[in-house]
């Protein structure tokens, strides 16, 4: 009997996709995210919540944190990738580097647990991060009157 196992992006393919985050080409990365993605930002900070499409995710969660950053934006670095290949689930460990508009450092660490569909598109993702740093950054910018 032939195998019915699906094939999902392997580590080299995931590295190519996630490298877009490192170069600031977020649009290219998001071509690999389903329009109706289920993306959960964990925690109790202002960015946390469940997003059921990438438009809302980009506008609310990602857009808000980018507005807090200085003109250089937020640089993401991929530390580790695991999974994929013959498994739909994978994990990415990332870190960010940046400065806020008020001059504070925003160096965060992330773990993204995500599931691929059969077309090599992320259809579900849970993002874990330093919630206290996110909360402090957003409150700091809000209290600056901006």
N, C-alpha and C. Protein backbone atom coordinates (compact mmCIF):
# COMPACT_ATOMS: atom_id res chain seq x y z
N UNK A 1 0.84 -1.17 0.00
CA UNK A 1 0.00 0.00 0.00
C UNK A 1 0.89 1.24 0.00
N UNK A 2 0.57 2.17 -0.86
CA UNK A 2 1.37 3.40 -0.97
C UNK A 2 1.14 4.29 0.25
N UNK A 3 2.16 5.01 0.61
CA UNK A 3 2.07 5.92 1.74
C UNK A 3 1.18 7.11 1.40
N UNK A 4 0.35 7.49 2.34
CA UNK A 4 -0.50 8.67 2.15
C UNK A 4 0.02 9.86 2.95
N UNK A 5 1.21 9.75 3.45
CA UNK A 5 1.82 10.80 4.24
C UNK A 5 2.03 12.06 3.41
N UNK A 6 1.67 13.18 3.98
CA UNK A 6 1.92 14.46 3.30
C UNK A 6 3.35 14.89 3.54
N UNK A 7 3.81 15.72 2.67
CA UNK A 7 5.12 16.30 2.84
C UNK A 7 4.95 17.79 3.15
N UNK A 8 5.66 18.24 4.15
CA UNK A 8 5.60 19.63 4.59
C UNK A 8 6.99 20.23 4.42
N UNK A 9 7.10 21.54 4.43
CA UNK A 9 8.44 22.14 4.27
C UNK A 9 9.43 21.54 5.27
N UNK A 10 10.60 21.17 4.75
CA UNK A 10 11.65 20.65 5.62
C UNK A 10 12.48 21.83 6.14
N UNK A 11 13.50 21.53 6.90
CA UNK A 11 14.30 22.60 7.53
C UNK A 11 14.88 23.57 6.50
N UNK A 12 15.52 23.12 5.40
CA UNK A 12 16.03 24.10 4.43
C UNK A 12 14.93 24.98 3.83
N UNK A 13 13.77 24.38 3.55
CA UNK A 13 12.66 25.18 3.00
C UNK A 13 12.16 26.18 4.04
N UNK A 14 12.05 25.74 5.30
CA UNK A 14 11.63 26.66 6.37
C UNK A 14 12.65 27.79 6.54
N UNK A 15 13.94 27.45 6.45
CA UNK A 15 14.98 28.49 6.57
C UNK A 15 14.81 29.54 5.48
N UNK A 16 14.50 29.11 4.28
CA UNK A 16 14.29 30.05 3.17
C UNK A 16 13.09 30.95 3.44
N UNK A 17 12.01 30.36 3.94
CA UNK A 17 10.80 31.14 4.23
C UNK A 17 11.06 32.13 5.37
N UNK A 18 11.64 31.65 6.46
CA UNK A 18 11.87 32.49 7.63
C UNK A 18 12.99 33.50 7.43
N UNK A 19 13.86 33.28 6.46
CA UNK A 19 14.92 34.26 6.19
C UNK A 19 14.34 35.60 5.76
N UNK A 20 13.13 35.57 5.22
CA UNK A 20 12.46 36.82 4.85
C UNK A 20 12.23 37.72 6.06
N UNK A 21 12.01 37.13 7.22
CA UNK A 21 11.84 37.93 8.43
C UNK A 21 13.16 38.61 8.81
N UNK A 22 14.25 37.91 8.60
CA UNK A 22 15.57 38.45 8.95
C UNK A 22 15.97 39.61 8.04
N UNK A 23 15.52 39.58 6.81
CA UNK A 23 15.88 40.64 5.86
C UNK A 23 14.84 41.76 5.84
N UNK A 24 13.80 41.62 6.67
CA UNK A 24 12.76 42.65 6.70
C UNK A 24 11.73 42.53 5.60
N UNK A 25 11.77 41.42 4.85
CA UNK A 25 10.81 41.21 3.78
C UNK A 25 9.59 40.45 4.33
N UNK A 26 8.84 41.15 5.17
CA UNK A 26 7.69 40.53 5.82
C UNK A 26 6.64 40.10 4.79
N UNK A 27 6.48 40.86 3.72
CA UNK A 27 5.50 40.51 2.69
C UNK A 27 5.80 39.13 2.11
N UNK A 28 7.06 38.84 1.84
CA UNK A 28 7.43 37.53 1.30
C UNK A 28 7.15 36.43 2.32
N UNK A 29 7.46 36.67 3.59
CA UNK A 29 7.15 35.67 4.62
C UNK A 29 5.65 35.40 4.65
N UNK A 30 4.85 36.46 4.62
CA UNK A 30 3.40 36.29 4.76
C UNK A 30 2.74 35.66 3.54
N UNK A 31 3.46 35.48 2.43
CA UNK A 31 2.90 34.70 1.33
C UNK A 31 2.81 33.23 1.72
N UNK A 32 3.50 32.85 2.78
CA UNK A 32 3.48 31.46 3.28
C UNK A 32 2.58 31.30 4.49
N UNK A 33 1.73 32.30 4.73
CA UNK A 33 0.76 32.27 5.82
C UNK A 33 -0.63 32.32 5.19
N UNK A 34 -1.48 31.39 5.60
CA UNK A 34 -2.84 31.33 5.04
C UNK A 34 -3.61 32.61 5.35
N UNK A 35 -4.43 33.03 4.40
CA UNK A 35 -5.26 34.22 4.62
C UNK A 35 -6.15 34.04 5.84
N UNK A 36 -6.64 32.82 6.06
CA UNK A 36 -7.51 32.54 7.20
C UNK A 36 -6.76 31.83 8.33
N UNK A 37 -5.51 32.23 8.55
CA UNK A 37 -4.67 31.65 9.58
C UNK A 37 -5.33 31.79 10.96
N UNK A 38 -5.09 30.83 11.80
CA UNK A 38 -5.45 30.92 13.22
C UNK A 38 -4.15 31.19 13.97
N UNK A 39 -3.89 32.46 14.27
CA UNK A 39 -2.63 32.90 14.87
C UNK A 39 -2.95 33.43 16.26
N UNK A 40 -2.42 32.80 17.27
CA UNK A 40 -2.66 33.21 18.65
C UNK A 40 -1.40 33.83 19.23
N UNK A 41 -1.53 35.05 19.71
CA UNK A 41 -0.46 35.72 20.43
C UNK A 41 -0.78 35.50 21.90
N UNK A 42 0.02 34.70 22.58
CA UNK A 42 -0.27 34.33 23.96
C UNK A 42 0.06 35.47 24.92
N UNK A 43 -0.47 35.38 26.11
CA UNK A 43 -0.18 36.35 27.15
C UNK A 43 -1.41 37.19 27.48
N UNK A 44 -1.19 38.20 28.31
CA UNK A 44 -2.26 39.09 28.73
C UNK A 44 -1.94 40.54 28.42
N UNK A 45 -1.03 40.77 27.53
CA UNK A 45 -0.63 42.12 27.13
C UNK A 45 -1.55 42.64 26.01
N UNK A 46 -1.43 43.91 25.63
CA UNK A 46 -2.34 44.48 24.62
C UNK A 46 -2.30 43.82 23.24
N UNK A 47 -1.25 43.10 22.91
CA UNK A 47 -1.17 42.45 21.60
C UNK A 47 -1.72 41.03 21.61
N UNK A 48 -1.97 40.49 22.79
CA UNK A 48 -2.39 39.09 22.86
C UNK A 48 -3.82 38.93 22.34
N UNK A 49 -4.07 37.73 21.87
CA UNK A 49 -5.40 37.42 21.37
C UNK A 49 -5.32 36.40 20.25
N UNK A 50 -6.49 35.99 19.80
CA UNK A 50 -6.60 35.04 18.70
C UNK A 50 -7.01 35.80 17.45
N UNK A 51 -6.24 35.64 16.40
CA UNK A 51 -6.50 36.29 15.12
C UNK A 51 -6.87 35.20 14.13
N UNK A 52 -7.96 35.40 13.40
CA UNK A 52 -8.43 34.37 12.48
C UNK A 52 -8.18 34.72 11.02
N UNK A 53 -7.41 35.78 10.80
CA UNK A 53 -6.96 36.08 9.44
C UNK A 53 -5.72 36.96 9.52
N UNK A 54 -4.90 36.87 8.49
CA UNK A 54 -3.62 37.58 8.56
C UNK A 54 -3.77 39.09 8.42
N UNK A 55 -4.85 39.57 7.83
CA UNK A 55 -5.06 41.01 7.73
C UNK A 55 -5.20 41.62 9.12
N UNK A 56 -6.05 41.02 9.97
CA UNK A 56 -6.23 41.52 11.34
C UNK A 56 -4.94 41.38 12.14
N UNK A 57 -4.27 40.25 11.99
CA UNK A 57 -3.00 40.04 12.69
C UNK A 57 -2.01 41.13 12.34
N UNK A 58 -1.82 41.39 11.04
CA UNK A 58 -0.85 42.38 10.60
C UNK A 58 -1.24 43.78 11.05
N UNK A 59 -2.51 44.09 11.01
CA UNK A 59 -2.96 45.43 11.38
C UNK A 59 -2.86 45.66 12.89
N UNK A 60 -3.37 44.72 13.67
CA UNK A 60 -3.48 44.95 15.11
C UNK A 60 -2.21 44.56 15.88
N UNK A 61 -1.85 43.31 15.87
CA UNK A 61 -0.70 42.88 16.68
C UNK A 61 0.62 43.37 16.10
N UNK A 62 0.90 43.02 14.86
CA UNK A 62 2.19 43.39 14.28
C UNK A 62 2.28 44.89 14.01
N UNK A 63 1.20 45.47 13.55
CA UNK A 63 1.19 46.90 13.28
C UNK A 63 1.41 47.73 14.53
N UNK A 64 0.81 47.31 15.64
CA UNK A 64 0.96 48.04 16.89
C UNK A 64 2.40 48.03 17.37
N UNK A 65 3.03 46.88 17.36
CA UNK A 65 4.41 46.83 17.86
C UNK A 65 5.35 47.59 16.93
N UNK A 66 5.10 47.53 15.62
CA UNK A 66 5.95 48.28 14.69
C UNK A 66 5.82 49.78 14.92
N UNK A 67 4.63 50.25 15.27
CA UNK A 67 4.44 51.68 15.56
C UNK A 67 5.21 52.12 16.80
N UNK A 68 5.54 51.18 17.66
CA UNK A 68 6.31 51.49 18.87
C UNK A 68 7.81 51.59 18.60
N UNK A 69 8.24 51.06 17.46
CA UNK A 69 9.67 51.02 17.15
C UNK A 69 10.15 52.31 16.50
N UNK A 70 11.44 52.57 16.63
CA UNK A 70 12.02 53.73 15.96
C UNK A 70 12.05 53.49 14.45
N UNK A 71 12.61 54.41 13.70
CA UNK A 71 12.56 54.33 12.23
C UNK A 71 13.28 53.11 11.66
N UNK A 72 14.15 52.49 12.44
CA UNK A 72 14.85 51.29 11.97
C UNK A 72 14.00 50.03 12.07
N UNK A 73 12.88 50.12 12.78
CA UNK A 73 11.98 48.97 12.90
C UNK A 73 12.51 47.89 13.81
N UNK A 74 11.96 46.73 13.64
CA UNK A 74 12.27 45.58 14.48
C UNK A 74 12.96 44.53 13.63
N UNK A 75 14.15 44.13 14.02
CA UNK A 75 14.89 43.10 13.30
C UNK A 75 14.68 41.76 13.98
N UNK A 76 14.28 40.77 13.21
CA UNK A 76 14.08 39.42 13.74
C UNK A 76 15.22 38.51 13.28
N UNK A 77 15.61 37.63 14.17
CA UNK A 77 16.67 36.67 13.88
C UNK A 77 16.16 35.27 14.22
N UNK A 78 16.31 34.36 13.28
CA UNK A 78 15.90 32.97 13.51
C UNK A 78 17.06 32.25 14.20
N UNK A 79 16.77 31.66 15.35
CA UNK A 79 17.78 30.93 16.11
C UNK A 79 17.76 29.44 15.79
N UNK A 80 16.57 28.86 15.83
CA UNK A 80 16.41 27.42 15.57
C UNK A 80 15.08 27.15 14.87
N UNK A 81 15.08 26.12 14.05
CA UNK A 81 13.86 25.60 13.44
C UNK A 81 13.85 24.09 13.65
N UNK A 82 12.68 23.54 13.94
CA UNK A 82 12.57 22.10 14.14
C UNK A 82 11.23 21.64 13.59
N UNK A 83 11.19 20.40 13.12
CA UNK A 83 9.95 19.81 12.64
C UNK A 83 9.83 19.91 11.14
N UNK A 84 8.59 19.88 10.67
CA UNK A 84 8.33 19.91 9.23
C UNK A 84 8.69 18.57 8.59
N UNK A 85 8.94 18.60 7.30
CA UNK A 85 9.26 17.38 6.57
C UNK A 85 8.06 16.47 6.46
N UNK A 86 8.03 15.41 7.24
CA UNK A 86 6.88 14.49 7.21
C UNK A 86 5.87 14.82 8.31
N UNK A 87 6.09 15.89 9.05
CA UNK A 87 5.20 16.29 10.15
C UNK A 87 4.63 17.67 9.89
N UNK A 88 3.34 17.88 10.13
CA UNK A 88 2.76 19.20 9.88
C UNK A 88 3.18 20.24 10.91
N UNK A 89 3.58 19.82 12.11
CA UNK A 89 3.93 20.77 13.17
C UNK A 89 5.42 21.09 13.15
N UNK A 90 5.72 22.33 13.44
CA UNK A 90 7.12 22.77 13.50
C UNK A 90 7.23 23.87 14.56
N UNK A 91 8.47 24.20 14.92
CA UNK A 91 8.74 25.22 15.92
C UNK A 91 9.86 26.12 15.41
N UNK A 92 9.70 27.41 15.63
CA UNK A 92 10.76 28.38 15.33
C UNK A 92 11.10 29.12 16.61
N UNK A 93 12.38 29.22 16.90
CA UNK A 93 12.86 30.06 18.00
C UNK A 93 13.46 31.30 17.35
N UNK A 94 12.99 32.46 17.78
CA UNK A 94 13.45 33.73 17.19
C UNK A 94 13.83 34.70 18.29
N UNK A 95 14.54 35.73 17.90
CA UNK A 95 14.75 36.85 18.80
C UNK A 95 14.69 38.12 17.99
N UNK A 96 14.29 39.19 18.67
CA UNK A 96 14.21 40.48 18.00
C UNK A 96 15.19 41.45 18.64
N UNK A 97 15.57 42.43 17.84
CA UNK A 97 16.45 43.49 18.30
C UNK A 97 15.87 44.80 17.77
N UNK A 98 15.81 45.78 18.61
CA UNK A 98 15.33 47.07 18.14
C UNK A 98 15.29 48.08 19.26
N UNK A 99 14.99 49.29 18.89
CA UNK A 99 14.81 50.38 19.83
C UNK A 99 13.41 50.94 19.65
N UNK A 100 12.80 51.33 20.77
CA UNK A 100 11.49 51.94 20.69
C UNK A 100 11.64 53.41 20.32
N UNK A 101 10.53 54.03 19.98
CA UNK A 101 10.55 55.45 19.64
C UNK A 101 10.99 56.30 20.83
N UNK A 102 10.82 55.79 22.05
CA UNK A 102 11.26 56.55 23.22
C UNK A 102 12.70 56.25 23.61
N UNK A 103 13.37 55.38 22.84
CA UNK A 103 14.79 55.11 23.07
C UNK A 103 15.10 53.87 23.89
N UNK A 104 14.10 53.15 24.37
CA UNK A 104 14.35 51.92 25.12
C UNK A 104 14.68 50.78 24.17
N UNK A 105 15.43 49.82 24.68
CA UNK A 105 15.74 48.62 23.89
C UNK A 105 14.52 47.69 23.87
N UNK A 106 14.32 47.03 22.74
CA UNK A 106 13.29 46.01 22.62
C UNK A 106 13.96 44.76 22.08
N UNK A 107 14.53 43.99 22.98
CA UNK A 107 15.18 42.73 22.62
C UNK A 107 14.34 41.62 23.23
N UNK A 108 13.62 40.91 22.38
CA UNK A 108 12.67 39.92 22.85
C UNK A 108 13.05 38.55 22.32
N UNK A 109 12.52 37.52 22.92
CA UNK A 109 12.68 36.14 22.47
C UNK A 109 11.31 35.56 22.20
N UNK A 110 11.22 34.70 21.20
CA UNK A 110 9.94 34.14 20.78
C UNK A 110 10.09 32.64 20.53
N UNK A 111 8.99 31.95 20.74
CA UNK A 111 8.83 30.57 20.27
C UNK A 111 7.52 30.55 19.51
N UNK A 112 7.59 30.15 18.26
CA UNK A 112 6.40 30.02 17.42
C UNK A 112 6.18 28.54 17.16
N UNK A 113 5.05 28.04 17.58
CA UNK A 113 4.65 26.66 17.31
C UNK A 113 3.59 26.74 16.22
N UNK A 114 3.86 26.10 15.09
CA UNK A 114 2.96 26.30 13.95
C UNK A 114 2.71 25.01 13.20
N UNK A 115 1.60 25.04 12.44
CA UNK A 115 1.18 23.88 11.66
C UNK A 115 1.07 24.27 10.20
N UNK A 116 1.68 23.45 9.35
CA UNK A 116 1.61 23.63 7.90
C UNK A 116 0.38 22.93 7.35
N UNK A 117 -0.18 23.46 6.27
CA UNK A 117 -1.16 22.68 5.53
C UNK A 117 -0.41 21.94 4.42
N UNK A 118 -1.09 21.19 3.62
CA UNK A 118 -0.44 20.39 2.58
C UNK A 118 0.15 21.20 1.44
N UNK A 119 -0.12 22.51 1.40
CA UNK A 119 0.40 23.37 0.34
C UNK A 119 1.61 24.19 0.79
N UNK A 120 2.17 23.88 1.95
CA UNK A 120 3.34 24.61 2.43
C UNK A 120 3.01 25.98 2.98
N UNK A 121 1.79 26.12 3.51
CA UNK A 121 1.34 27.38 4.06
C UNK A 121 1.04 27.19 5.55
N UNK A 122 1.44 28.16 6.36
CA UNK A 122 1.16 28.09 7.80
C UNK A 122 -0.32 28.39 8.00
N UNK A 123 -1.04 27.45 8.63
CA UNK A 123 -2.47 27.66 8.84
C UNK A 123 -2.83 27.85 10.31
N UNK A 124 -1.89 27.57 11.20
CA UNK A 124 -2.11 27.77 12.62
C UNK A 124 -0.78 28.09 13.28
N UNK A 125 -0.79 29.04 14.21
CA UNK A 125 0.45 29.42 14.88
C UNK A 125 0.13 29.95 16.26
N UNK A 126 0.96 29.55 17.23
CA UNK A 126 0.90 30.10 18.58
C UNK A 126 2.24 30.76 18.86
N UNK A 127 2.19 32.04 19.21
CA UNK A 127 3.41 32.81 19.45
C UNK A 127 3.57 33.07 20.95
N UNK A 128 4.73 32.69 21.48
CA UNK A 128 5.07 32.89 22.88
C UNK A 128 6.22 33.90 22.93
N UNK A 129 6.16 34.82 23.90
CA UNK A 129 7.19 35.87 23.99
C UNK A 129 7.26 36.41 25.40
N UNK A 130 8.17 37.37 25.60
CA UNK A 130 8.28 38.08 26.87
C UNK A 130 7.14 39.09 26.95
N UNK A 131 6.04 38.67 27.57
CA UNK A 131 4.84 39.51 27.64
C UNK A 131 5.07 40.79 28.42
N UNK A 132 5.88 40.73 29.46
CA UNK A 132 6.14 41.92 30.27
C UNK A 132 6.83 43.00 29.44
N UNK A 133 7.77 42.60 28.60
CA UNK A 133 8.45 43.56 27.74
C UNK A 133 7.48 44.20 26.75
N UNK A 134 6.61 43.41 26.16
CA UNK A 134 5.62 43.93 25.22
C UNK A 134 4.71 44.93 25.93
N UNK A 135 4.21 44.54 27.09
CA UNK A 135 3.31 45.41 27.88
C UNK A 135 4.00 46.74 28.21
N UNK A 136 5.21 46.65 28.72
CA UNK A 136 5.96 47.86 29.11
C UNK A 136 6.20 48.76 27.90
N UNK A 137 6.55 48.19 26.78
CA UNK A 137 6.83 48.97 25.57
C UNK A 137 5.59 49.71 25.09
N UNK A 138 4.49 49.02 25.03
CA UNK A 138 3.26 49.66 24.54
C UNK A 138 2.81 50.75 25.51
N UNK A 139 2.85 50.47 26.80
CA UNK A 139 2.45 51.48 27.80
C UNK A 139 3.38 52.69 27.77
N UNK A 140 4.66 52.45 27.58
CA UNK A 140 5.64 53.54 27.53
C UNK A 140 5.34 54.49 26.37
N UNK A 141 5.03 53.93 25.23
CA UNK A 141 4.74 54.75 24.06
C UNK A 141 3.41 55.48 24.26
N UNK A 142 2.41 54.80 24.80
CA UNK A 142 1.11 55.44 25.05
C UNK A 142 1.25 56.60 26.03
N UNK A 143 2.07 56.41 27.08
CA UNK A 143 2.22 57.46 28.07
C UNK A 143 3.07 58.62 27.59
N UNK A 144 3.81 58.41 26.50
CA UNK A 144 4.55 59.51 25.90
C UNK A 144 3.62 60.42 25.12
N UNK A 145 2.34 60.07 25.05
CA UNK A 145 1.36 60.91 24.37
C UNK A 145 1.36 60.75 22.87
N UNK A 146 1.89 59.64 22.38
CA UNK A 146 1.98 59.45 20.93
C UNK A 146 0.94 58.51 20.42
